[in-house]
């Protein structure tokens, strides 16, 4: 942990034109929303666009609404982080993750048919998104 302070990250809820959400399957576990830590001197918008491209291989067409800000110190077992979750609209294209070390594959899912292996706090984040409630935790 850097100086005992939380790290800041982003997580995207990428929606295809047909309304499906794009999730990524990690080598080390289940399915998650694409995202990661922000780089030094990077804006939130740039971090979300970069993470979606790296993990899904898709281009962000438009950033939608803020869905939530999550800061529970227990939400990530690796370190304390604050995650900013945003809705994004992505192109309909072949999903080709560029981050092959972390991401096994990307896939599209109907919002009412999410995989059982949805891990970390992504299920909770999607439930909040679907309830249309802005969460600041």
N, C-alpha and C. Protein backbone atom coordinates (compact mmCIF):
# COMPACT_ATOMS: atom_id res chain seq x y z
N UNK A 1 0.84 -1.18 0.00
CA UNK A 1 0.00 0.00 0.00
C UNK A 1 0.88 1.24 0.00
N UNK A 2 0.60 2.15 -0.86
CA UNK A 2 1.36 3.38 -0.99
C UNK A 2 1.03 4.34 0.14
N UNK A 3 1.99 4.55 1.05
CA UNK A 3 1.83 5.47 2.18
C UNK A 3 0.57 5.17 2.99
N UNK A 4 0.08 3.92 2.96
CA UNK A 4 -1.10 3.57 3.73
C UNK A 4 -2.40 4.13 3.17
N UNK A 5 -2.36 4.70 1.98
CA UNK A 5 -3.56 5.28 1.38
C UNK A 5 -4.17 4.31 0.38
N UNK A 6 -5.50 4.39 0.18
CA UNK A 6 -6.11 3.51 -0.82
C UNK A 6 -5.66 3.87 -2.23
N UNK A 7 -5.62 2.85 -3.08
CA UNK A 7 -5.34 3.06 -4.49
C UNK A 7 -6.66 3.36 -5.20
N UNK A 8 -6.60 4.08 -6.31
CA UNK A 8 -7.82 4.45 -7.05
C UNK A 8 -7.87 3.65 -8.33
N UNK A 9 -9.02 3.05 -8.56
CA UNK A 9 -9.23 2.27 -9.77
C UNK A 9 -10.55 2.60 -10.43
N UNK A 10 -10.73 2.05 -11.61
CA UNK A 10 -11.97 2.23 -12.36
C UNK A 10 -12.50 0.85 -12.75
N UNK A 11 -13.79 0.78 -12.94
CA UNK A 11 -14.42 -0.43 -13.44
C UNK A 11 -15.53 0.03 -14.39
N UNK A 12 -15.60 -0.63 -15.53
CA UNK A 12 -16.58 -0.26 -16.55
C UNK A 12 -17.72 -1.27 -16.58
N UNK A 13 -18.90 -0.77 -16.90
CA UNK A 13 -20.04 -1.63 -17.23
C UNK A 13 -20.25 -1.42 -18.73
N UNK A 14 -19.54 -2.21 -19.58
CA UNK A 14 -19.59 -2.00 -21.02
C UNK A 14 -20.84 -2.64 -21.63
N UNK A 15 -21.61 -1.82 -22.32
CA UNK A 15 -22.84 -2.30 -22.95
C UNK A 15 -22.70 -2.28 -24.46
N UNK A 16 -23.04 -3.41 -25.08
CA UNK A 16 -23.05 -3.52 -26.53
C UNK A 16 -24.34 -2.91 -27.08
N UNK A 17 -24.39 -2.60 -28.37
CA UNK A 17 -25.61 -2.01 -28.95
C UNK A 17 -26.88 -2.83 -28.68
N UNK A 18 -26.76 -4.14 -28.55
CA UNK A 18 -27.92 -4.99 -28.28
C UNK A 18 -28.32 -5.04 -26.81
N UNK A 19 -27.57 -4.36 -25.94
CA UNK A 19 -27.89 -4.30 -24.52
C UNK A 19 -27.15 -5.30 -23.65
N UNK A 20 -26.35 -6.19 -24.24
CA UNK A 20 -25.58 -7.14 -23.45
C UNK A 20 -24.43 -6.43 -22.76
N UNK A 21 -24.04 -6.98 -21.61
CA UNK A 21 -22.89 -6.46 -20.88
C UNK A 21 -21.68 -7.33 -21.21
N UNK A 22 -20.52 -6.70 -21.33
CA UNK A 22 -19.28 -7.42 -21.61
C UNK A 22 -18.55 -7.64 -20.29
N UNK A 23 -18.21 -8.90 -20.05
CA UNK A 23 -17.43 -9.29 -18.87
C UNK A 23 -16.15 -9.94 -19.33
N UNK A 24 -15.16 -9.98 -18.44
CA UNK A 24 -13.90 -10.65 -18.77
C UNK A 24 -13.66 -11.78 -17.79
N UNK A 25 -13.12 -12.87 -18.31
CA UNK A 25 -12.78 -14.05 -17.50
C UNK A 25 -11.31 -13.96 -17.17
N UNK A 26 -11.00 -13.90 -15.89
CA UNK A 26 -9.61 -13.79 -15.45
C UNK A 26 -8.97 -15.16 -15.38
N UNK A 27 -7.67 -15.21 -15.63
CA UNK A 27 -6.93 -16.46 -15.49
C UNK A 27 -6.99 -16.96 -14.04
N UNK A 28 -6.98 -16.04 -13.10
CA UNK A 28 -6.91 -16.42 -11.69
C UNK A 28 -8.28 -16.61 -11.04
N UNK A 29 -9.36 -16.54 -11.82
CA UNK A 29 -10.66 -16.67 -11.18
C UNK A 29 -11.81 -16.57 -12.16
N UNK A 30 -12.90 -16.01 -11.66
CA UNK A 30 -14.13 -15.96 -12.42
C UNK A 30 -14.26 -14.76 -13.33
N UNK A 31 -15.49 -14.45 -13.65
CA UNK A 31 -15.84 -13.33 -14.54
C UNK A 31 -15.94 -12.05 -13.72
N UNK A 32 -15.49 -10.94 -14.31
CA UNK A 32 -15.54 -9.63 -13.66
C UNK A 32 -15.86 -8.56 -14.71
N UNK A 33 -16.25 -7.41 -14.21
CA UNK A 33 -16.34 -6.23 -15.07
C UNK A 33 -14.92 -5.77 -15.37
N UNK A 34 -14.65 -5.31 -16.58
CA UNK A 34 -13.29 -4.84 -16.89
C UNK A 34 -12.93 -3.60 -16.07
N UNK A 35 -11.68 -3.56 -15.65
CA UNK A 35 -11.23 -2.41 -14.89
C UNK A 35 -9.86 -2.64 -14.32
N UNK A 36 -9.38 -1.65 -13.61
CA UNK A 36 -8.07 -1.75 -13.01
C UNK A 36 -7.67 -0.44 -12.37
N UNK A 37 -6.45 -0.39 -11.90
CA UNK A 37 -5.94 0.80 -11.24
C UNK A 37 -5.62 1.89 -12.25
N UNK A 38 -5.83 3.12 -11.82
CA UNK A 38 -5.49 4.26 -12.67
C UNK A 38 -3.98 4.44 -12.70
N UNK A 39 -3.48 4.87 -13.85
CA UNK A 39 -2.07 5.20 -13.97
C UNK A 39 -1.82 6.58 -13.39
N UNK A 40 -0.56 6.86 -13.03
CA UNK A 40 -0.19 8.17 -12.54
C UNK A 40 -0.50 9.23 -13.61
N UNK A 41 -1.07 10.33 -13.20
CA UNK A 41 -1.41 11.45 -14.08
C UNK A 41 -2.48 11.10 -15.11
N UNK A 42 -3.32 10.11 -14.83
CA UNK A 42 -4.37 9.69 -15.77
C UNK A 42 -5.73 10.15 -15.25
N UNK A 43 -6.57 10.62 -16.15
CA UNK A 43 -7.94 11.01 -15.80
C UNK A 43 -8.83 9.77 -15.79
N UNK A 44 -9.94 9.84 -15.07
CA UNK A 44 -10.88 8.72 -14.96
C UNK A 44 -11.35 8.28 -16.33
N UNK A 45 -11.74 9.22 -17.17
CA UNK A 45 -12.24 8.89 -18.52
C UNK A 45 -11.18 8.11 -19.31
N UNK A 46 -9.96 8.57 -19.28
CA UNK A 46 -8.87 7.90 -20.01
C UNK A 46 -8.62 6.50 -19.45
N UNK A 47 -8.69 6.35 -18.13
CA UNK A 47 -8.46 5.04 -17.50
C UNK A 47 -9.54 4.04 -17.92
N UNK A 48 -10.78 4.47 -17.96
CA UNK A 48 -11.88 3.57 -18.35
C UNK A 48 -11.73 3.16 -19.81
N UNK A 49 -11.44 4.10 -20.67
CA UNK A 49 -11.27 3.79 -22.09
C UNK A 49 -10.10 2.82 -22.28
N UNK A 50 -8.99 3.05 -21.57
CA UNK A 50 -7.82 2.19 -21.66
C UNK A 50 -8.12 0.78 -21.16
N UNK A 51 -8.77 0.67 -20.02
CA UNK A 51 -9.05 -0.64 -19.44
C UNK A 51 -9.99 -1.46 -20.33
N UNK A 52 -11.01 -0.84 -20.89
CA UNK A 52 -11.94 -1.57 -21.78
C UNK A 52 -11.20 -2.06 -23.02
N UNK A 53 -10.33 -1.23 -23.57
CA UNK A 53 -9.55 -1.64 -24.74
C UNK A 53 -8.59 -2.77 -24.38
N UNK A 54 -7.86 -2.63 -23.26
CA UNK A 54 -6.90 -3.66 -22.86
C UNK A 54 -7.57 -5.00 -22.54
N UNK A 55 -8.67 -4.96 -21.80
CA UNK A 55 -9.25 -6.20 -21.29
C UNK A 55 -10.31 -6.81 -22.21
N UNK A 56 -10.98 -5.99 -23.02
CA UNK A 56 -12.03 -6.51 -23.92
C UNK A 56 -11.64 -6.41 -25.39
N UNK A 57 -10.72 -5.51 -25.70
CA UNK A 57 -10.37 -5.27 -27.09
C UNK A 57 -11.43 -4.46 -27.81
N UNK A 58 -12.27 -3.75 -27.05
CA UNK A 58 -13.36 -2.96 -27.65
C UNK A 58 -13.13 -1.47 -27.44
N UNK A 59 -13.63 -0.71 -28.39
CA UNK A 59 -13.53 0.75 -28.35
C UNK A 59 -14.76 1.33 -27.66
N UNK A 60 -14.54 2.24 -26.73
CA UNK A 60 -15.63 2.93 -26.05
C UNK A 60 -16.17 4.02 -26.99
N UNK A 61 -17.47 3.97 -27.26
CA UNK A 61 -18.11 4.97 -28.10
C UNK A 61 -18.58 6.17 -27.30
N UNK A 62 -19.05 5.87 -26.08
CA UNK A 62 -19.59 6.94 -25.24
C UNK A 62 -19.57 6.49 -23.79
N UNK A 63 -19.27 7.41 -22.91
CA UNK A 63 -19.34 7.12 -21.48
C UNK A 63 -20.70 7.58 -20.99
N UNK A 64 -21.37 6.68 -20.28
CA UNK A 64 -22.70 6.97 -19.74
C UNK A 64 -22.61 7.50 -18.32
N UNK A 65 -23.49 6.97 -17.49
CA UNK A 65 -23.62 7.51 -16.14
C UNK A 65 -22.67 6.86 -15.13
N UNK A 66 -22.39 7.60 -14.09
CA UNK A 66 -21.68 7.09 -12.94
C UNK A 66 -22.62 6.13 -12.22
N UNK A 67 -22.16 4.93 -11.94
CA UNK A 67 -23.00 3.95 -11.27
C UNK A 67 -22.69 3.86 -9.78
N UNK A 68 -21.43 4.02 -9.42
CA UNK A 68 -21.10 3.95 -8.00
C UNK A 68 -19.64 4.21 -7.71
N UNK A 69 -19.36 4.46 -6.45
CA UNK A 69 -18.00 4.60 -5.95
C UNK A 69 -17.92 3.68 -4.74
N UNK A 70 -17.00 2.72 -4.79
CA UNK A 70 -16.90 1.68 -3.77
C UNK A 70 -15.57 1.80 -3.05
N UNK A 71 -15.62 1.84 -1.70
CA UNK A 71 -14.39 2.07 -0.96
C UNK A 71 -14.21 1.16 0.26
N UNK A 72 -15.04 0.16 0.42
CA UNK A 72 -14.91 -0.74 1.57
C UNK A 72 -13.51 -1.35 1.56
N UNK A 73 -12.75 -1.21 2.62
CA UNK A 73 -11.37 -1.74 2.66
C UNK A 73 -11.30 -3.25 2.43
N UNK A 74 -12.41 -3.97 2.61
CA UNK A 74 -12.42 -5.43 2.44
C UNK A 74 -12.87 -5.86 1.04
N UNK A 75 -13.18 -4.91 0.15
CA UNK A 75 -13.75 -5.27 -1.15
C UNK A 75 -12.74 -5.97 -2.07
N UNK A 76 -11.47 -5.72 -1.88
CA UNK A 76 -10.43 -6.38 -2.67
C UNK A 76 -9.43 -6.99 -1.70
N UNK A 77 -9.25 -8.31 -1.75
CA UNK A 77 -8.36 -8.95 -0.78
C UNK A 77 -6.89 -8.58 -0.93
N UNK A 78 -6.51 -7.99 -2.07
CA UNK A 78 -5.10 -7.68 -2.31
C UNK A 78 -4.65 -6.38 -1.66
N UNK A 79 -5.54 -5.38 -1.62
CA UNK A 79 -5.19 -4.08 -1.08
C UNK A 79 -6.45 -3.24 -0.95
N UNK A 80 -6.35 -2.13 -0.23
CA UNK A 80 -7.48 -1.20 -0.10
C UNK A 80 -7.52 -0.32 -1.35
N UNK A 81 -8.67 -0.34 -2.00
CA UNK A 81 -8.81 0.49 -3.21
C UNK A 81 -10.17 1.14 -3.24
N UNK A 82 -10.23 2.24 -3.93
CA UNK A 82 -11.49 2.93 -4.23
C UNK A 82 -11.76 2.69 -5.70
N UNK A 83 -12.94 2.18 -6.02
CA UNK A 83 -13.27 1.87 -7.40
C UNK A 83 -14.42 2.74 -7.88
N UNK A 84 -14.21 3.42 -8.99
CA UNK A 84 -15.21 4.28 -9.62
C UNK A 84 -15.82 3.47 -10.76
N UNK A 85 -17.13 3.22 -10.68
CA UNK A 85 -17.80 2.36 -11.65
C UNK A 85 -18.66 3.21 -12.58
N UNK A 86 -18.40 3.07 -13.89
CA UNK A 86 -19.11 3.87 -14.90
C UNK A 86 -19.74 2.97 -15.97
N UNK A 87 -20.89 3.37 -16.44
CA UNK A 87 -21.53 2.75 -17.60
C UNK A 87 -20.83 3.27 -18.85
N UNK A 88 -20.52 2.37 -19.78
CA UNK A 88 -19.93 2.79 -21.06
C UNK A 88 -20.62 2.03 -22.19
N UNK A 89 -20.71 2.67 -23.32
CA UNK A 89 -21.28 2.05 -24.51
C UNK A 89 -20.13 1.75 -25.46
N UNK A 90 -20.07 0.49 -25.90
CA UNK A 90 -18.94 0.03 -26.70
C UNK A 90 -19.39 -0.41 -28.09
N UNK A 91 -18.42 -0.46 -28.99
CA UNK A 91 -18.68 -0.92 -30.35
C UNK A 91 -19.02 -2.40 -30.38
N UNK A 92 -19.78 -2.79 -31.37
CA UNK A 92 -20.03 -4.21 -31.60
C UNK A 92 -18.92 -4.71 -32.51
N UNK A 93 -17.98 -5.42 -31.95
CA UNK A 93 -16.82 -5.91 -32.69
C UNK A 93 -16.33 -7.19 -32.03
N UNK A 94 -15.38 -7.84 -32.68
CA UNK A 94 -14.80 -9.04 -32.09
C UNK A 94 -14.06 -8.65 -30.81
N UNK A 95 -14.32 -9.41 -29.75
CA UNK A 95 -13.67 -9.14 -28.47
C UNK A 95 -12.32 -9.84 -28.45
N UNK A 96 -11.27 -9.04 -28.45
CA UNK A 96 -9.90 -9.56 -28.46
C UNK A 96 -9.10 -8.90 -27.36
N UNK A 97 -9.14 -9.47 -26.16
CA UNK A 97 -8.38 -8.88 -25.05
C UNK A 97 -6.90 -8.73 -25.40
N UNK A 98 -6.34 -7.59 -25.04
CA UNK A 98 -4.92 -7.32 -25.29
C UNK A 98 -4.07 -7.71 -24.08
N UNK A 99 -4.69 -7.71 -22.90
CA UNK A 99 -3.98 -8.06 -21.67
C UNK A 99 -4.07 -9.57 -21.46
N UNK A 100 -3.23 -10.31 -22.17
CA UNK A 100 -3.27 -11.78 -22.15
C UNK A 100 -2.75 -12.37 -20.84
N UNK A 101 -1.99 -11.61 -20.07
CA UNK A 101 -1.48 -12.12 -18.80
C UNK A 101 -2.56 -12.21 -17.74
N UNK A 102 -3.51 -11.28 -17.77
CA UNK A 102 -4.56 -11.25 -16.75
C UNK A 102 -5.88 -11.82 -17.25
N UNK A 103 -6.22 -11.54 -18.51
CA UNK A 103 -7.53 -11.87 -19.05
C UNK A 103 -7.46 -13.10 -19.95
N UNK A 104 -8.29 -14.09 -19.64
CA UNK A 104 -8.37 -15.29 -20.45
C UNK A 104 -9.22 -15.05 -21.70
N UNK A 105 -10.38 -14.41 -21.50
CA UNK A 105 -11.27 -14.09 -22.63
C UNK A 105 -12.32 -13.09 -22.18
N UNK A 106 -13.01 -12.51 -23.15
CA UNK A 106 -14.13 -11.61 -22.88
C UNK A 106 -15.38 -12.24 -23.47
N UNK A 107 -16.52 -11.92 -22.90
CA UNK A 107 -17.77 -12.47 -23.39
C UNK A 107 -18.93 -11.52 -23.13
N UNK A 108 -19.99 -11.67 -23.92
CA UNK A 108 -21.19 -10.84 -23.78
C UNK A 108 -22.29 -11.65 -23.10
N UNK A 109 -23.00 -11.00 -22.18
CA UNK A 109 -24.05 -11.65 -21.41
C UNK A 109 -25.28 -10.75 -21.34
N UNK A 110 -26.45 -11.36 -21.43
CA UNK A 110 -27.68 -10.62 -21.17
C UNK A 110 -27.67 -10.22 -19.70
N UNK A 111 -28.20 -9.06 -19.39
CA UNK A 111 -28.17 -8.58 -18.01
C UNK A 111 -29.00 -9.45 -17.06
N UNK A 112 -29.91 -10.24 -17.60
CA UNK A 112 -30.70 -11.13 -16.76
C UNK A 112 -30.16 -12.57 -16.80
N UNK A 113 -28.98 -12.77 -17.38
CA UNK A 113 -28.37 -14.10 -17.47
C UNK A 113 -26.87 -14.02 -17.23
N UNK A 114 -26.49 -13.44 -16.10
CA UNK A 114 -25.07 -13.27 -15.76
C UNK A 114 -24.49 -14.60 -15.30
N UNK A 115 -23.20 -14.81 -15.53
CA UNK A 115 -22.59 -16.08 -15.11
C UNK A 115 -22.57 -16.24 -13.59
N UNK A 116 -22.69 -17.46 -13.15
CA UNK A 116 -22.65 -17.75 -11.71
C UNK A 116 -21.28 -17.42 -11.13
N UNK A 117 -20.23 -17.51 -11.96
CA UNK A 117 -18.86 -17.28 -11.50
C UNK A 117 -18.47 -15.80 -11.51
N UNK A 118 -19.42 -14.90 -11.33
CA UNK A 118 -19.14 -13.47 -11.26
C UNK A 118 -18.47 -13.21 -9.91
N UNK A 119 -17.24 -12.69 -9.91
CA UNK A 119 -16.45 -12.60 -8.68
C UNK A 119 -16.17 -11.17 -8.26
N UNK A 120 -15.37 -11.08 -7.20
CA UNK A 120 -15.08 -9.84 -6.50
C UNK A 120 -16.42 -9.22 -6.12
N UNK A 121 -16.59 -7.92 -6.21
CA UNK A 121 -17.88 -7.33 -5.87
C UNK A 121 -18.65 -6.91 -7.12
N UNK A 122 -18.35 -7.57 -8.24
CA UNK A 122 -18.98 -7.19 -9.52
C UNK A 122 -20.48 -7.49 -9.55
N UNK A 123 -20.93 -8.57 -8.91
CA UNK A 123 -22.36 -8.85 -8.88
C UNK A 123 -23.10 -7.73 -8.16
N UNK A 124 -22.56 -7.32 -7.02
CA UNK A 124 -23.16 -6.22 -6.26
C UNK A 124 -23.17 -4.93 -7.10
N UNK A 125 -22.08 -4.66 -7.80
CA UNK A 125 -22.01 -3.45 -8.62
C UNK A 125 -23.04 -3.49 -9.74
N UNK A 126 -23.22 -4.65 -10.36
CA UNK A 126 -24.23 -4.77 -11.42
C UNK A 126 -25.65 -4.68 -10.86
N UNK A 127 -25.89 -5.23 -9.69
CA UNK A 127 -27.20 -5.11 -9.06
C UNK A 127 -27.53 -3.66 -8.77
N UNK A 128 -26.57 -2.91 -8.27
CA UNK A 128 -26.79 -1.48 -8.03
C UNK A 128 -27.06 -0.75 -9.34
N UNK A 129 -26.28 -1.09 -10.37
CA UNK A 129 -26.48 -0.47 -11.68
C UNK A 129 -27.89 -0.73 -12.19
N UNK A 130 -28.32 -2.00 -12.13
CA UNK A 130 -29.64 -2.37 -12.64
C UNK A 130 -30.78 -1.75 -11.84
N UNK A 131 -30.54 -1.45 -10.56
CA UNK A 131 -31.57 -0.79 -9.74
C UNK A 131 -31.58 0.71 -9.97
N UNK A 132 -30.67 1.18 -10.83
CA UNK A 132 -30.59 2.60 -11.18
C UNK A 132 -30.33 3.50 -9.96
N UNK A 133 -29.59 2.96 -9.00
CA UNK A 133 -29.28 3.76 -7.81
C UNK A 133 -27.78 4.07 -7.78
N UNK A 134 -27.47 5.32 -7.58
CA UNK A 134 -26.06 5.73 -7.45
C UNK A 134 -25.61 5.35 -6.05
N UNK A 135 -24.55 4.55 -5.98
CA UNK A 135 -24.05 4.07 -4.69
C UNK A 135 -22.71 4.74 -4.40
N UNK A 136 -22.60 5.29 -3.22
CA UNK A 136 -21.32 5.78 -2.72
C UNK A 136 -21.10 5.05 -1.41
N UNK A 137 -20.15 4.13 -1.44
CA UNK A 137 -19.91 3.23 -0.32
C UNK A 137 -18.59 3.56 0.33
